[in-house]
Every structure is written in C-alpha cells, then in structure tokens.
Amino acid sequence: MSLPRGVLSLIVVCSILVILAVLGLFFDFSSLMEFHPNIDGLLLLAVCLMMGGIFALMLFSLAKEEGWLAHLPVFRKKAAAPAQSQPANPAPAASANPGRAAEKSK
C-alpha cells in the first residue's frame, strides 16, 4: 500500500498535533489546574480541546477520503432507493388555504 507523499505528511503532522493536545489535557488535569480555578487552566483546556478536535477531524476526513473506513457499515454507500412518482398535476394553490378561497368566492 503506497501513500502519496502529501497525504503521508498530513497524517504525520495531524497525528503529532493530536498527541500534543492529548498530552496538554493530561498535564492540565494532572497538575490540578482545573481544580484551582484560574484562567491558565481554562485556557489550556480550551486550546487543547480545540486543537485536538480540529486535527482529529482532519485525520478522520483523510481516512474517509483514502477509503480506510469503507469496511465499516456506517460508511458503506447504500443503493439508491427508487424514486416515487410525483402526481402530474399538483393541487391548485387555492386548495392549500381553503379559508382564503371561501372569502374570494363571496
């Protein structure tokens, strides 16, 4: 299995940044910054969650694009359902609002 060089470099960069974000979250909770409320702990938590989420989403997108998730039943393409026939003459607009039609006829 050969990967294009651009895809491989994107996977490496995204993986490293997700790992750094997880390490930052671990540091935030292990140093008890979250239990002593200060702005540093909250900002570290927010930045790590944001960076981890963005780059994890990018990894997911790359995996889906490369077809690595095709064996999962959620990502298999389903056969198109046959389209139901639409009526040839749609109902007139007056029947959509019978109160207005009754007013106009008076």
PDB file of N, CA and C in Angstrom:
ATOM      1  N   MET A   1       0.858  -1.175   0.000  1.00  0.00           N
ATOM      2  CA  MET A   1       0.000   0.000   0.000  1.00  0.00           C
ATOM      3  C   MET A   1       0.894   1.225   0.000  1.00  0.00           C
ATOM      4  N   SER A   2       0.756   2.010  -0.998  1.00  0.00           N
ATOM      5  CA  SER A   2       1.595   3.203  -1.073  1.00  0.00           C
ATOM      6  C   SER A   2       0.726   4.439  -0.927  1.00  0.00           C
ATOM      7  N   LEU A   3       1.222   5.366  -0.140  1.00  0.00           N
ATOM      8  CA  LEU A   3       0.516   6.622   0.081  1.00  0.00           C
ATOM      9  C   LEU A   3       1.238   7.737  -0.653  1.00  0.00           C
ATOM     10  N   PRO A   4       0.494   8.669  -1.217  1.00  0.00           N
ATOM     11  CA  PRO A   4       1.154   9.831  -1.792  1.00  0.00           C
ATOM     12  C   PRO A   4       1.894  10.601  -0.702  1.00  0.00           C
ATOM     13  N   ARG A   5       2.953  11.242  -1.089  1.00  0.00           N
ATOM     14  CA  ARG A   5       3.795  11.927  -0.109  1.00  0.00           C
ATOM     15  C   ARG A   5       3.049  13.021   0.648  1.00  0.00           C
ATOM     16  N   GLY A   6       2.159  13.722  -0.017  1.00  0.00           N
ATOM     17  CA  GLY A   6       1.394  14.785   0.629  1.00  0.00           C
ATOM     18  C   GLY A   6       0.453  14.248   1.696  1.00  0.00           C
ATOM     19  N   VAL A   7      -0.177  13.108   1.419  1.00  0.00           N
ATOM     20  CA  VAL A   7      -1.099  12.520   2.383  1.00  0.00           C
ATOM     21  C   VAL A   7      -0.341  12.015   3.601  1.00  0.00           C
ATOM     22  N   LEU A   8       0.802  11.397   3.365  1.00  0.00           N
ATOM     23  CA  LEU A   8       1.603  10.875   4.476  1.00  0.00           C
ATOM     24  C   LEU A   8       2.079  11.999   5.382  1.00  0.00           C
ATOM     25  N   SER A   9       2.512  13.105   4.807  1.00  0.00           N
ATOM     26  CA  SER A   9       2.963  14.225   5.636  1.00  0.00           C
ATOM     27  C   SER A   9       1.802  14.842   6.414  1.00  0.00           C
ATOM     28  N   LEU A  10       0.610  14.917   5.809  1.00  0.00           N
ATOM     29  CA  LEU A  10      -0.560  15.419   6.533  1.00  0.00           C
ATOM     30  C   LEU A  10      -0.929  14.509   7.698  1.00  0.00           C
ATOM     31  N   ILE A  11      -0.845  13.209   7.486  1.00  0.00           N
ATOM     32  CA  ILE A  11      -1.169  12.258   8.554  1.00  0.00           C
ATOM     33  C   ILE A  11      -0.185  12.402   9.707  1.00  0.00           C
ATOM     34  N   VAL A  12       1.094  12.545   9.404  1.00  0.00           N
ATOM     35  CA  VAL A  12       2.109  12.681  10.452  1.00  0.00           C
ATOM     36  C   VAL A  12       1.901  13.975  11.240  1.00  0.00           C
ATOM     37  N   VAL A  13       1.692  15.075  10.553  1.00  0.00           N
ATOM     38  CA  VAL A  13       1.508  16.365  11.231  1.00  0.00           C
ATOM     39  C   VAL A  13       0.244  16.347  12.083  1.00  0.00           C
ATOM     40  N   CYS A  14      -0.857  15.861  11.539  1.00  0.00           N
ATOM     41  CA  CYS A  14      -2.109  15.813  12.298  1.00  0.00           C
ATOM     42  C   CYS A  14      -1.992  14.899  13.506  1.00  0.00           C
ATOM     43  N   SER A  15      -1.333  13.764  13.344  1.00  0.00           N
ATOM     44  CA  SER A  15      -1.161  12.829  14.460  1.00  0.00           C
ATOM     45  C   SER A  15      -0.328  13.448  15.567  1.00  0.00           C
ATOM     46  N   ILE A  16       0.743  14.124  15.212  1.00  0.00           N
ATOM     47  CA  ILE A  16       1.596  14.754  16.218  1.00  0.00           C
ATOM     48  C   ILE A  16       0.821  15.821  16.983  1.00  0.00           C
ATOM     49  N   LEU A  17       0.045  16.613  16.277  1.00  0.00           N
ATOM     50  CA  LEU A  17      -0.711  17.666  16.951  1.00  0.00           C
ATOM     51  C   LEU A  17      -1.834  17.107  17.829  1.00  0.00           C
ATOM     52  N   VAL A  18      -2.454  16.015  17.424  1.00  0.00           N
ATOM     53  CA  VAL A  18      -3.466  15.384  18.277  1.00  0.00           C
ATOM     54  C   VAL A  18      -2.809  14.820  19.532  1.00  0.00           C
ATOM     55  N   ILE A  19      -1.633  14.206  19.391  1.00  0.00           N
ATOM     56  CA  ILE A  19      -0.910  13.669  20.551  1.00  0.00           C
ATOM     57  C   ILE A  19      -0.499  14.790  21.493  1.00  0.00           C
ATOM     58  N   LEU A  20      -0.020  15.903  20.959  1.00  0.00           N
ATOM     59  CA  LEU A  20       0.343  17.043  21.809  1.00  0.00           C
ATOM     60  C   LEU A  20      -0.875  17.611  22.536  1.00  0.00           C
ATOM     61  N   ALA A  21      -2.012  17.641  21.871  1.00  0.00           N
ATOM     62  CA  ALA A  21      -3.238  18.137  22.512  1.00  0.00           C
ATOM     63  C   ALA A  21      -3.665  17.211  23.653  1.00  0.00           C
ATOM     64  N   VAL A  22      -3.555  15.904  23.438  1.00  0.00           N
ATOM     65  CA  VAL A  22      -3.903  14.951  24.496  1.00  0.00           C
ATOM     66  C   VAL A  22      -2.926  15.079  25.664  1.00  0.00           C
ATOM     67  N   LEU A  23      -1.642  15.266  25.357  1.00  0.00           N
ATOM     68  CA  LEU A  23      -0.658  15.471  26.426  1.00  0.00           C
ATOM     69  C   LEU A  23      -0.944  16.762  27.194  1.00  0.00           C
ATOM     70  N   GLY A  24      -1.365  17.797  26.516  1.00  0.00           N
ATOM     71  CA  GLY A  24      -1.733  19.042  27.184  1.00  0.00           C
ATOM     72  C   GLY A  24      -2.927  18.861  28.108  1.00  0.00           C
ATOM     73  N   LEU A  25      -3.928  18.087  27.652  1.00  0.00           N
ATOM     74  CA  LEU A  25      -5.078  17.795  28.511  1.00  0.00           C
ATOM     75  C   LEU A  25      -4.649  16.982  29.732  1.00  0.00           C
ATOM     76  N   PHE A  26      -3.767  16.018  29.509  1.00  0.00           N
ATOM     77  CA  PHE A  26      -3.260  15.213  30.618  1.00  0.00           C
ATOM     78  C   PHE A  26      -2.525  16.101  31.620  1.00  0.00           C
ATOM     79  N   PHE A  27      -1.693  17.011  31.130  1.00  0.00           N
ATOM     80  CA  PHE A  27      -0.966  17.914  32.015  1.00  0.00           C
ATOM     81  C   PHE A  27      -1.924  18.817  32.775  1.00  0.00           C
ATOM     82  N   ASP A  28      -2.965  19.286  32.096  1.00  0.00           N
ATOM     83  CA  ASP A  28      -3.941  20.168  32.741  1.00  0.00           C
ATOM     84  C   ASP A  28      -4.605  19.480  33.925  1.00  0.00           C
ATOM     85  N   PHE A  29      -5.002  18.232  33.748  1.00  0.00           N
ATOM     86  CA  PHE A  29      -5.675  17.528  34.829  1.00  0.00           C
ATOM     87  C   PHE A  29      -4.697  16.995  35.875  1.00  0.00           C
ATOM     88  N   SER A  30      -3.496  16.614  35.458  1.00  0.00           N
ATOM     89  CA  SER A  30      -2.545  16.061  36.432  1.00  0.00           C
ATOM     90  C   SER A  30      -1.925  17.156  37.306  1.00  0.00           C
ATOM     91  N   SER A  31      -1.834  18.370  36.814  1.00  0.00           N
ATOM     92  CA  SER A  31      -1.260  19.453  37.615  1.00  0.00           C
ATOM     93  C   SER A  31      -2.326  20.180  38.432  1.00  0.00           C
ATOM     94  N   LEU A  32      -3.531  19.666  38.420  1.00  0.00           N
ATOM     95  CA  LEU A  32      -4.653  20.203  39.191  1.00  0.00           C
ATOM     96  C   LEU A  32      -4.990  21.645  38.838  1.00  0.00           C
ATOM     97  N   MET A  33      -4.672  22.068  37.614  1.00  0.00           N
ATOM     98  CA  MET A  33      -5.045  23.416  37.192  1.00  0.00           C
ATOM     99  C   MET A  33      -6.555  23.560  37.105  1.00  0.00           C
ATOM    100  N   GLU A  34      -7.220  22.476  36.803  1.00  0.00           N
ATOM    101  CA  GLU A  34      -8.659  22.535  36.629  1.00  0.00           C
ATOM    102  C   GLU A  34      -9.381  22.643  37.976  1.00  0.00           C
ATOM    103  N   PHE A  35      -8.770  22.156  39.043  1.00  0.00           N
ATOM    104  CA  PHE A  35      -9.429  22.170  40.340  1.00  0.00           C
ATOM    105  C   PHE A  35      -9.143  23.444  41.128  1.00  0.00           C
ATOM    106  N   HIS A  36      -8.135  24.192  40.738  1.00  0.00           N
ATOM    107  CA  HIS A  36      -7.874  25.517  41.295  1.00  0.00           C
ATOM    108  C   HIS A  36      -8.215  26.506  40.199  1.00  0.00           C
ATOM    109  N   PRO A  37      -9.446  27.010  40.204  1.00  0.00           N
ATOM    110  CA  PRO A  37      -9.899  27.785  39.045  1.00  0.00           C
ATOM    111  C   PRO A  37      -9.052  29.032  38.793  1.00  0.00           C
ATOM    112  N   ASN A  38      -8.386  29.014  37.681  1.00  0.00           N
ATOM    113  CA  ASN A  38      -7.696  30.200  37.201  1.00  0.00           C
ATOM    114  C   ASN A  38      -7.784  30.196  35.686  1.00  0.00           C
ATOM    115  N   ILE A  39      -7.467  31.300  35.103  1.00  0.00           N
ATOM    116  CA  ILE A  39      -7.638  31.449  33.659  1.00  0.00           C
ATOM    117  C   ILE A  39      -6.656  30.577  32.874  1.00  0.00           C
ATOM    118  N   ASP A  40      -5.486  30.300  33.449  1.00  0.00           N
ATOM    119  CA  ASP A  40      -4.493  29.484  32.742  1.00  0.00           C
ATOM    120  C   ASP A  40      -5.000  28.071  32.492  1.00  0.00           C
ATOM    121  N   GLY A  41      -5.596  27.476  33.511  1.00  0.00           N
ATOM    122  CA  GLY A  41      -6.115  26.121  33.356  1.00  0.00           C
ATOM    123  C   GLY A  41      -7.257  26.056  32.363  1.00  0.00           C
ATOM    124  N   LEU A  42      -8.122  27.051  32.412  1.00  0.00           N
ATOM    125  CA  LEU A  42      -9.254  27.071  31.490  1.00  0.00           C
ATOM    126  C   LEU A  42      -8.793  27.291  30.046  1.00  0.00           C
ATOM    127  N   LEU A  43      -7.829  28.187  29.863  1.00  0.00           N
ATOM    128  CA  LEU A  43      -7.325  28.423  28.505  1.00  0.00           C
ATOM    129  C   LEU A  43      -6.588  27.210  27.963  1.00  0.00           C
ATOM    130  N   LEU A  44      -5.796  26.547  28.805  1.00  0.00           N
ATOM    131  CA  LEU A  44      -5.096  25.340  28.362  1.00  0.00           C
ATOM    132  C   LEU A  44      -6.089  24.267  27.963  1.00  0.00           C
ATOM    133  N   LEU A  45      -7.133  24.101  28.760  1.00  0.00           N
ATOM    134  CA  LEU A  45      -8.165  23.122  28.449  1.00  0.00           C
ATOM    135  C   LEU A  45      -8.850  23.457  27.126  1.00  0.00           C
ATOM    136  N   ALA A  46      -9.229  24.711  26.942  1.00  0.00           N
ATOM    137  CA  ALA A  46      -9.935  25.114  25.723  1.00  0.00           C
ATOM    138  C   ALA A  46      -9.061  24.962  24.479  1.00  0.00           C
ATOM    139  N   VAL A  47      -7.797  25.373  24.581  1.00  0.00           N
ATOM    140  CA  VAL A  47      -6.904  25.292  23.418  1.00  0.00           C
ATOM    141  C   VAL A  47      -6.619  23.837  23.067  1.00  0.00           C
ATOM    142  N   CYS A  48      -6.405  23.002  24.066  1.00  0.00           N
ATOM    143  CA  CYS A  48      -6.119  21.584  23.793  1.00  0.00           C
ATOM    144  C   CYS A  48      -7.326  20.889  23.180  1.00  0.00           C
ATOM    145  N   LEU A  49      -8.512  21.173  23.682  1.00  0.00           N
ATOM    146  CA  LEU A  49      -9.717  20.571  23.105  1.00  0.00           C
ATOM    147  C   LEU A  49      -9.940  21.043  21.672  1.00  0.00           C
ATOM    148  N   MET A  50      -9.708  22.329  21.430  1.00  0.00           N
ATOM    149  CA  MET A  50      -9.903  22.868  20.091  1.00  0.00           C
ATOM    150  C   MET A  50      -8.897  22.263  19.102  1.00  0.00           C
ATOM    151  N   MET A  51      -7.629  22.269  19.472  1.00  0.00           N
ATOM    152  CA  MET A  51      -6.600  21.747  18.566  1.00  0.00           C
ATOM    153  C   MET A  51      -6.768  20.247  18.338  1.00  0.00           C
ATOM    154  N   GLY A  52      -7.047  19.518  19.404  1.00  0.00           N
ATOM    155  CA  GLY A  52      -7.271  18.080  19.261  1.00  0.00           C
ATOM    156  C   GLY A  52      -8.467  17.788  18.380  1.00  0.00           C
ATOM    157  N   GLY A  53      -9.545  18.539  18.559  1.00  0.00           N
ATOM    158  CA  GLY A  53     -10.739  18.327  17.753  1.00  0.00           C
ATOM    159  C   GLY A  53     -10.541  18.661  16.289  1.00  0.00           C
ATOM    160  N   ILE A  54      -9.878  19.755  16.015  1.00  0.00           N
ATOM    161  CA  ILE A  54      -9.655  20.170  14.626  1.00  0.00           C
ATOM    162  C   ILE A  54      -8.802  19.143  13.882  1.00  0.00           C
ATOM    163  N   PHE A  55      -7.699  18.736  14.500  1.00  0.00           N
ATOM    164  CA  PHE A  55      -6.800  17.827  13.797  1.00  0.00           C
ATOM    165  C   PHE A  55      -7.301  16.388  13.807  1.00  0.00           C
ATOM    166  N   ALA A  56      -8.098  16.000  14.804  1.00  0.00           N
ATOM    167  CA  ALA A  56      -8.729  14.678  14.765  1.00  0.00           C
ATOM    168  C   ALA A  56      -9.763  14.633  13.647  1.00  0.00           C
ATOM    169  N   LEU A  57     -10.487  15.731  13.453  1.00  0.00           N
ATOM    170  CA  LEU A  57     -11.447  15.811  12.353  1.00  0.00           C
ATOM    171  C   LEU A  57     -10.727  15.746  11.001  1.00  0.00           C
ATOM    172  N   MET A  58      -9.564  16.375  10.922  1.00  0.00           N
ATOM    173  CA  MET A  58      -8.778  16.313   9.690  1.00  0.00           C
ATOM    174  C   MET A  58      -8.297  14.882   9.423  1.00  0.00           C
ATOM    175  N   LEU A  59      -7.850  14.183  10.480  1.00  0.00           N
ATOM    176  CA  LEU A  59      -7.448  12.780  10.312  1.00  0.00           C
ATOM    177  C   LEU A  59      -8.627  11.920   9.871  1.00  0.00           C
ATOM    178  N   PHE A  60      -9.790  12.157  10.456  1.00  0.00           N
ATOM    179  CA  PHE A  60     -10.986  11.417  10.066  1.00  0.00           C
ATOM    180  C   PHE A  60     -11.322  11.672   8.602  1.00  0.00           C
ATOM    181  N   SER A  61     -11.221  12.928   8.187  1.00  0.00           N
ATOM    182  CA  SER A  61     -11.502  13.281   6.797  1.00  0.00           C
ATOM    183  C   SER A  61     -10.516  12.595   5.840  1.00  0.00           C
ATOM    184  N   LEU A  62      -9.241  12.576   6.213  1.00  0.00           N
ATOM    185  CA  LEU A  62      -8.244  11.907   5.378  1.00  0.00           C
ATOM    186  C   LEU A  62      -8.507  10.406   5.295  1.00  0.00           C
ATOM    187  N   ALA A  63      -8.858   9.797   6.430  1.00  0.00           N
ATOM    188  CA  ALA A  63      -9.128   8.360   6.440  1.00  0.00           C
ATOM    189  C   ALA A  63     -10.347   8.024   5.582  1.00  0.00           C
ATOM    190  N   LYS A  64     -11.348   8.860   5.649  1.00  0.00           N
ATOM    191  CA  LYS A  64     -12.543   8.628   4.836  1.00  0.00           C
ATOM    192  C   LYS A  64     -12.243   8.810   3.349  1.00  0.00           C
ATOM    193  N   GLU A  65     -11.455   9.821   3.037  1.00  0.00           N
ATOM    194  CA  GLU A  65     -11.096  10.098   1.645  1.00  0.00           C
ATOM    195  C   GLU A  65     -10.237   8.985   1.052  1.00  0.00           C
ATOM    196  N   GLU A  66      -9.344   8.417   1.856  1.00  0.00           N
ATOM    197  CA  GLU A  66      -8.461   7.351   1.373  1.00  0.00           C
ATOM    198  C   GLU A  66      -9.145   5.989   1.338  1.00  0.00           C
ATOM    199  N   GLY A  67     -10.353   5.894   1.914  1.00  0.00           N
ATOM    200  CA  GLY A  67     -11.095   4.641   1.872  1.00  0.00           C
ATOM    201  C   GLY A  67     -10.760   3.696   3.005  1.00  0.00           C
ATOM    202  N   TRP A  68     -10.138   4.178   4.065  1.00  0.00           N
ATOM    203  CA  TRP A  68      -9.775   3.302   5.188  1.00  0.00           C
ATOM    204  C   TRP A  68     -10.977   2.962   6.039  1.00  0.00           C
ATOM    205  N   LEU A  69     -12.045   3.700   5.916  1.00  0.00           N
ATOM    206  CA  LEU A  69     -13.243   3.459   6.709  1.00  0.00           C
ATOM    207  C   LEU A  69     -14.332   2.750   5.912  1.00  0.00           C
ATOM    208  N   ALA A  70     -14.012   2.278   4.720  1.00  0.00           N
ATOM    209  CA  ALA A  70     -15.019   1.684   3.842  1.00  0.00           C
ATOM    210  C   ALA A  70     -15.548   0.353   4.376  1.00  0.00           C
ATOM    211  N   HIS A  71     -14.773  -0.339   5.197  1.00  0.00           N
ATOM    212  CA  HIS A  71     -15.234  -1.630   5.705  1.00  0.00           C
ATOM    213  C   HIS A  71     -16.225  -1.492   6.853  1.00  0.00           C
ATOM    214  N   LEU A  72     -16.377  -0.287   7.406  1.00  0.00           N
ATOM    215  CA  LEU A  72     -17.351  -0.059   8.467  1.00  0.00           C
ATOM    216  C   LEU A  72     -18.745   0.091   7.860  1.00  0.00           C
ATOM    217  N   PRO A  73     -19.766  -0.516   8.465  1.00  0.00           N
ATOM    218  CA  PRO A  73     -21.106  -0.458   7.859  1.00  0.00           C
ATOM    219  C   PRO A  73     -21.692   0.947   7.808  1.00  0.00           C
ATOM    220  N   VAL A  74     -21.258   1.832   8.684  1.00  0.00           N
ATOM    221  CA  VAL A  74     -21.796   3.194   8.690  1.00  0.00           C
ATOM    222  C   VAL A  74     -21.388   3.953   7.434  1.00  0.00           C
ATOM    223  N   PHE A  75     -20.195   3.675   6.919  1.00  0.00           N
ATOM    224  CA  PHE A  75     -19.661   4.444   5.798  1.00  0.00           C
ATOM    225  C   PHE A  75     -19.819   3.752   4.448  1.00  0.00           C
ATOM    226  N   ARG A  76     -20.512   2.621   4.411  1.00  0.00           N
ATOM    227  CA  ARG A  76     -20.766   1.966   3.123  1.00  0.00           C
ATOM    228  C   ARG A  76     -21.838   2.737   2.383  1.00  0.00           C
ATOM    229  N   LYS A  77     -21.683   2.817   1.081  1.00  0.00           N
ATOM    230  CA  LYS A  77     -22.680   3.517   0.276  1.00  0.00           C
ATOM    231  C   LYS A  77     -23.879   2.595   0.084  1.00  0.00           C
ATOM    232  N   LYS A  78     -25.058   3.142   0.313  1.00  0.00           N
ATOM    233  CA  LYS A  78     -26.285   2.376   0.176  1.00  0.00           C
ATOM    234  C   LYS A  78     -26.812   2.523  -1.243  1.00  0.00           C
ATOM    235  N   ALA A  79     -27.524   1.493  -1.691  1.00  0.00           N
ATOM    236  CA  ALA A  79     -28.123   1.546  -3.021  1.00  0.00           C
ATOM    237  C   ALA A  79     -29.212   2.610  -3.017  1.00  0.00           C
ATOM    238  N   ALA A  80     -29.302   3.322  -4.097  1.00  0.00           N
ATOM    239  CA  ALA A  80     -30.299   4.403  -4.198  1.00  0.00           C
ATOM    240  C   ALA A  80     -31.695   3.799  -4.227  1.00  0.00           C
ATOM    241  N   ALA A  81     -32.567   4.327  -3.421  1.00  0.00           N
ATOM    242  CA  ALA A  81     -33.955   3.856  -3.391  1.00  0.00           C
ATOM    243  C   ALA A  81     -34.665   4.369  -4.636  1.00  0.00           C
ATOM    244  N   PRO A  82     -35.576   3.572  -5.183  1.00  0.00           N
ATOM    245  CA  PRO A  82     -36.300   4.057  -6.370  1.00  0.00           C
ATOM    246  C   PRO A  82     -37.150   5.264  -6.017  1.00  0.00           C
ATOM    247  N   ALA A  83     -37.127   6.229  -6.898  1.00  0.00           N
ATOM    248  CA  ALA A  83     -37.872   7.471  -6.660  1.00  0.00           C
ATOM    249  C   ALA A  83     -39.357   7.211  -6.825  1.00  0.00           C
ATOM    250  N   GLN A  84     -40.143   7.753  -5.928  1.00  0.00           N
ATOM    251  CA  GLN A  84     -41.588   7.602  -6.035  1.00  0.00           C
ATOM    252  C   GLN A  84     -42.106   8.602  -7.059  1.00  0.00           C
ATOM    253  N   SER A  85     -43.108   8.168  -7.787  1.00  0.00           N
ATOM    254  CA  SER A  85     -43.641   9.050  -8.835  1.00  0.00           C
ATOM    255  C   SER A  85     -44.445  10.174  -8.200  1.00  0.00           C
ATOM    256  N   GLN A  86     -44.277  11.348  -8.732  1.00  0.00           N
ATOM    257  CA  GLN A  86     -44.990  12.536  -8.275  1.00  0.00           C
ATOM    258  C   GLN A  86     -46.263  12.679  -9.108  1.00  0.00           C
ATOM    259  N   PRO A  87     -47.325  13.222  -8.535  1.00  0.00           N
ATOM    260  CA  PRO A  87     -48.543  13.431  -9.337  1.00  0.00           C
ATOM    261  C   PRO A  87     -48.264  14.437 -10.455  1.00  0.00           C
ATOM    262  N   ALA A  88     -48.898  14.201 -11.612  1.00  0.00           N
ATOM    263  CA  ALA A  88     -48.654  15.043 -12.777  1.00  0.00           C
ATOM    264  C   ALA A  88     -49.180  16.457 -12.569  1.00  0.00           C
ATOM    265  N   ASN A  89     -50.344  16.601 -11.963  1.00  0.00           N
ATOM    266  CA  ASN A  89     -50.945  17.912 -11.739  1.00  0.00           C
ATOM    267  C   ASN A  89     -50.963  18.183 -10.233  1.00  0.00           C
ATOM    268  N   PRO A  90     -50.130  19.088  -9.777  1.00  0.00           N
ATOM    269  CA  PRO A  90     -50.180  19.402  -8.345  1.00  0.00           C
ATOM    270  C   PRO A  90     -51.468  20.122  -7.997  1.00  0.00           C
ATOM    271  N   ALA A  91     -51.832  20.061  -6.730  1.00  0.00           N
ATOM    272  CA  ALA A  91     -53.076  20.690  -6.280  1.00  0.00           C
ATOM    273  C   ALA A  91     -52.985  22.191  -6.502  1.00  0.00           C
ATOM    274  N   PRO A  92     -54.094  22.846  -6.869  1.00  0.00           N
ATOM    275  CA  PRO A  92     -54.066  24.300  -7.069  1.00  0.00           C
ATOM    276  C   PRO A  92     -53.786  25.015  -5.756  1.00  0.00           C
ATOM    277  N   ALA A  93     -53.262  26.214  -5.865  1.00  0.00           N
ATOM    278  CA  ALA A  93     -52.870  26.979  -4.682  1.00  0.00           C
ATOM    279  C   ALA A  93     -54.072  27.345  -3.829  1.00  0.00           C
ATOM    280  N   ALA A  94     -55.254  27.490  -4.426  1.00  0.00           N
ATOM    281  CA  ALA A  94     -56.447  27.869  -3.668  1.00  0.00           C
ATOM    282  C   ALA A  94     -56.827  26.778  -2.682  1.00  0.00           C
ATOM    283  N   SER A  95     -56.614  25.521  -3.021  1.00  0.00           N
ATOM    284  CA  SER A  95     -56.995  24.446  -2.115  1.00  0.00           C
ATOM    285  C   SER A  95     -56.026  24.330  -0.941  1.00  0.00           C
ATOM    286  N   ALA A  96     -54.869  24.959  -1.047  1.00  0.00           N
ATOM    287  CA  ALA A  96     -53.917  24.923   0.045  1.00  0.00           C
ATOM    288  C   ALA A  96     -54.412  25.735   1.217  1.00  0.00           C
ATOM    289  N   ASN A  97     -55.205  26.776   0.960  1.00  0.00           N
ATOM    290  CA  ASN A  97     -55.742  27.627   2.012  1.00  0.00           C
ATOM    291  C   ASN A  97     -57.247  27.789   1.762  1.00  0.00           C
ATOM    292  N   PRO A  98     -58.068  26.858   2.277  1.00  0.00           N
ATOM    293  CA  PRO A  98     -59.500  26.897   1.947  1.00  0.00           C
ATOM    294  C   PRO A  98     -60.206  28.136   2.485  1.00  0.00           C
ATOM    295  N   GLY A  99     -59.725  28.731   3.552  1.00  0.00           N
ATOM    296  CA  GLY A  99     -60.366  29.928   4.100  1.00  0.00           C
ATOM    297  C   GLY A  99     -60.292  31.089   3.127  1.00  0.00           C
ATOM    298  N   ARG A 100     -59.162  31.263   2.481  1.00  0.00           N
ATOM    299  CA  ARG A 100     -58.987  32.351   1.513  1.00  0.00           C
ATOM    300  C   ARG A 100     -59.846  32.109   0.280  1.00  0.00           C
ATOM    301  N   ALA A 101     -59.980  30.853  -0.137  1.00  0.00           N
ATOM    302  CA  ALA A 101     -60.803  30.541  -1.312  1.00  0.00           C
ATOM    303  C   ALA A 101     -62.271  30.847  -1.029  1.00  0.00           C
ATOM    304  N   ALA A 102     -62.701  30.590   0.190  1.00  0.00           N
ATOM    305  CA  ALA A 102     -64.092  30.855   0.545  1.00  0.00           C
ATOM    306  C   ALA A 102     -64.348  32.368   0.574  1.00  0.00           C
ATOM    307  N   GLU A 103     -63.379  33.153   1.028  1.00  0.00           N
ATOM    308  CA  GLU A 103     -63.536  34.614   1.072  1.00  0.00           C
ATOM    309  C   GLU A 103     -63.647  35.175  -0.338  1.00  0.00           C
ATOM    310  N   LYS A 104     -62.839  34.679  -1.259  1.00  0.00           N
ATOM    311  CA  LYS A 104     -62.848  35.207  -2.622  1.00  0.00           C
ATOM    312  C   LYS A 104     -64.146  34.861  -3.350  1.00  0.00           C
ATOM    313  N   SER A 105     -64.747  33.721  -3.016  1.00  0.00           N
ATOM    314  CA  SER A 105     -65.959  33.336  -3.719  1.00  0.00           C
ATOM    315  C   SER A 105     -67.181  34.131  -3.239  1.00  0.00           C
ATOM    316  N   LYS A 106     -67.115  34.781  -2.092  1.00  0.00           N
ATOM    317  CA  LYS A 106     -68.252  35.571  -1.583  1.00  0.00           C
ATOM    318  C   LYS A 106     -68.348  36.921  -2.195  1.00  0.00           C
TER     319      LYS A 106
END
